[in-house]
Amino acid sequence: MVRDGSTGIGRRKKALAGAAEQQLHEILATSEKTRFEIRDGKVRARYGHSITEKVEHTPIDNPPAVLFHGTARPNEASIREKGLLPSGRQYVHLSGDRALAEKVGRRHGDPIVFVVDTVVARSLGIRFFTVDEDVYLADSIPPKALKLDG
């Protein structure tokens, strides 16, 4: 495993019960979640949920002006006080799609959605990363860059 979260496909084949490389491509292409990708002959963990080393991503210069974070209502007070923190993950996960953020929040209970002002966050030194069209990452988001949607 290297710092970008990737490992040789051959090493992962054993973990996938000997799946042929083509099957591996099909599995990743049809998966509802895009947690892995194949790049340069390697399988790469996009988020790094299952590895201890932090997956490195290249910062993006121009994130959308507004991103969204869905969570459960009981988390509201803590987020207002401390901002968004990775909470056991490597990064805070954000979405460019409000409906998707609400769907994520619904997985944890009564959903609420925070709006992230990326202009304010960037002015406070926050860097943003992207792993696909709708998923953005950040190390944290300070309270000054957040407001509750609705």
Protein backbone atom coordinates (compact mmCIF):
# COMPACT_ATOMS: atom_id res chain seq x y z
CA MET A 1 0.00 0.00 0.00
CA VAL A 2 1.35 3.43 -0.90
CA ARG A 3 0.41 6.85 0.48
CA ASP A 4 -2.12 7.51 -2.28
CA GLY A 5 -4.17 4.53 -1.03
CA SER A 6 -3.27 2.22 -3.89
CA THR A 7 -1.94 -1.31 -4.08
CA GLY A 8 -1.12 -3.62 -6.95
CA ILE A 9 -4.16 -5.42 -8.39
CA GLY A 10 -2.45 -8.77 -7.91
CA ARG A 11 -2.28 -8.22 -4.15
CA ARG A 12 -5.99 -7.42 -3.98
CA LYS A 13 -7.03 -10.42 -6.08
CA LYS A 14 -6.29 -12.74 -3.15
CA ALA A 15 -8.51 -10.64 -0.92
CA LEU A 16 -11.25 -10.82 -3.52
CA ALA A 17 -11.21 -14.63 -3.64
CA GLY A 18 -9.25 -14.79 -6.88
CA ALA A 19 -11.54 -12.56 -8.95
CA ALA A 20 -10.18 -12.09 -12.44
CA GLU A 21 -8.96 -8.61 -13.30
CA GLN A 22 -11.90 -8.09 -15.69
CA GLN A 23 -14.32 -9.04 -12.91
CA LEU A 24 -12.60 -6.56 -10.66
CA HIS A 25 -13.11 -3.82 -13.27
CA GLU A 26 -16.81 -4.80 -13.56
CA ILE A 27 -17.29 -4.83 -9.79
CA LEU A 28 -15.82 -1.36 -9.43
CA ALA A 29 -17.70 0.01 -12.46
CA THR A 30 -21.09 -1.19 -11.20
CA SER A 31 -20.67 -0.49 -7.50
CA GLU A 32 -23.16 2.05 -6.13
CA LYS A 33 -20.39 3.63 -4.10
CA THR A 34 -17.15 4.74 -5.68
CA ARG A 35 -14.83 3.83 -2.83
CA PHE A 36 -12.17 2.30 -5.09
CA GLU A 37 -10.75 3.03 -8.51
CA ILE A 38 -8.22 1.44 -10.82
CA ARG A 39 -5.42 3.75 -11.87
CA ASP A 40 -2.10 2.85 -13.47
CA GLY A 41 -2.65 -0.87 -12.87
CA LYS A 42 -3.39 -0.41 -9.18
CA VAL A 43 -6.55 -0.51 -7.08
CA ARG A 44 -6.81 2.68 -5.09
CA ALA A 45 -8.92 3.43 -2.01
CA ARG A 46 -10.44 6.82 -2.74
CA TYR A 47 -11.33 7.64 0.86
CA GLY A 48 -9.13 5.34 2.94
CA HIS A 49 -11.81 4.09 5.36
CA SER A 50 -10.09 0.73 5.73
CA ILE A 51 -6.42 1.74 5.90
CA THR A 52 -4.43 3.45 8.62
CA GLU A 53 -2.24 5.67 6.44
CA LYS A 54 -3.90 8.85 5.26
CA VAL A 55 -4.74 8.75 1.57
CA GLU A 56 -3.22 11.78 -0.11
CA HIS A 57 -5.22 13.77 -2.64
CA THR A 58 -4.25 16.75 -4.76
CA PRO A 59 -5.99 19.94 -3.57
CA ILE A 60 -8.33 21.61 -6.04
CA ASP A 61 -8.07 25.34 -6.70
CA ASN A 62 -11.71 26.15 -7.38
CA PRO A 63 -14.25 24.10 -5.46
CA PRO A 64 -17.91 25.02 -5.92
CA ALA A 65 -18.78 28.11 -3.86
CA VAL A 66 -21.20 26.01 -1.82
CA LEU A 67 -20.96 22.38 -0.72
CA PHE A 68 -23.23 20.35 1.55
CA HIS A 69 -22.79 17.99 4.49
CA GLY A 70 -25.60 15.74 5.68
CA THR A 71 -25.76 14.42 9.22
CA ALA A 72 -28.25 13.52 11.94
CA ARG A 73 -29.95 16.21 14.03
CA PRO A 74 -28.28 15.13 17.33
CA ASN A 75 -24.92 16.21 15.82
CA GLU A 76 -26.04 19.80 15.23
CA ALA A 77 -24.84 21.39 18.49
CA SER A 78 -21.40 19.80 18.29
CA ILE A 79 -20.96 20.85 14.66
CA ARG A 80 -22.02 24.42 15.42
CA GLU A 81 -19.44 24.53 18.23
CA LYS A 82 -16.51 22.59 16.73
CA GLY A 83 -17.22 22.58 12.99
CA LEU A 84 -17.05 19.47 10.83
CA LEU A 85 -14.40 16.97 11.88
CA PRO A 86 -13.50 13.63 10.26
CA SER A 87 -14.87 11.64 13.24
CA GLY A 88 -12.97 8.42 12.67
CA ARG A 89 -12.56 8.94 8.95
CA GLN A 90 -9.60 10.46 7.16
CA TYR A 91 -11.51 13.43 5.78
CA VAL A 92 -14.79 15.27 6.15
CA HIS A 93 -17.05 14.19 3.29
CA LEU A 94 -18.99 16.87 1.43
CA SER A 95 -21.29 16.86 -1.56
CA GLY A 96 -22.00 19.23 -4.40
CA ASP A 97 -25.57 17.87 -4.38
CA ARG A 98 -27.88 18.89 -1.53
CA ALA A 99 -30.21 15.90 -2.06
CA LEU A 100 -27.27 13.50 -1.79
CA ALA A 101 -26.14 15.17 1.44
CA GLU A 102 -29.64 14.78 2.88
CA LYS A 103 -29.65 11.10 1.86
CA VAL A 104 -26.37 10.62 3.74
CA GLY A 105 -27.82 12.36 6.80
CA ARG A 106 -30.90 10.13 6.66
CA ARG A 107 -28.66 7.05 7.13
CA HIS A 108 -27.91 8.33 10.62
CA GLY A 109 -31.41 9.39 11.71
CA ASP A 110 -33.43 12.59 11.37
CA PRO A 111 -31.38 14.39 8.69
CA ILE A 112 -30.10 17.94 8.66
CA VAL A 113 -27.89 19.54 6.03
CA PHE A 114 -25.13 22.05 6.62
CA VAL A 115 -24.11 24.45 3.86
CA VAL A 116 -20.35 24.91 3.54
CA ASP A 117 -19.19 28.31 2.27
CA THR A 118 -15.98 27.25 0.53
CA VAL A 119 -14.87 30.84 -0.04
CA VAL A 120 -14.87 31.47 3.72
CA ALA A 121 -13.32 28.07 4.42
CA ARG A 122 -10.51 28.67 1.91
CA SER A 123 -9.85 32.11 3.44
CA LEU A 124 -9.29 30.25 6.73
CA GLY A 125 -6.75 27.92 5.12
CA ILE A 126 -8.98 24.94 4.39
CA ARG A 127 -8.03 22.88 1.34
CA PHE A 128 -10.56 20.91 -0.68
CA PHE A 129 -10.08 17.71 -2.63
CA THR A 130 -12.34 15.83 -5.01
CA VAL A 131 -12.60 12.14 -5.75
CA ASP A 132 -15.54 12.16 -8.16
CA GLU A 133 -18.23 14.44 -9.55
CA ASP A 134 -20.24 14.84 -6.35
CA VAL A 135 -17.89 13.94 -3.48
CA TYR A 136 -15.49 16.48 -2.04
CA LEU A 137 -13.17 16.08 0.92
CA ALA A 138 -11.58 18.43 3.47
CA ASP A 139 -9.52 17.86 6.60
CA SER A 140 -12.09 19.83 8.60
CA ILE A 141 -14.54 22.72 8.19
CA PRO A 142 -14.56 25.47 10.84
CA PRO A 143 -17.90 26.72 12.25
CA LYS A 144 -17.42 30.14 10.57
CA ALA A 145 -17.81 28.46 7.17
CA LEU A 146 -21.02 26.62 8.07
CA LYS A 147 -24.70 27.38 8.26
CA LEU A 148 -27.66 25.07 8.71
CA ASP A 149 -29.69 24.75 5.51
CA GLY A 150 -33.35 25.64 5.78
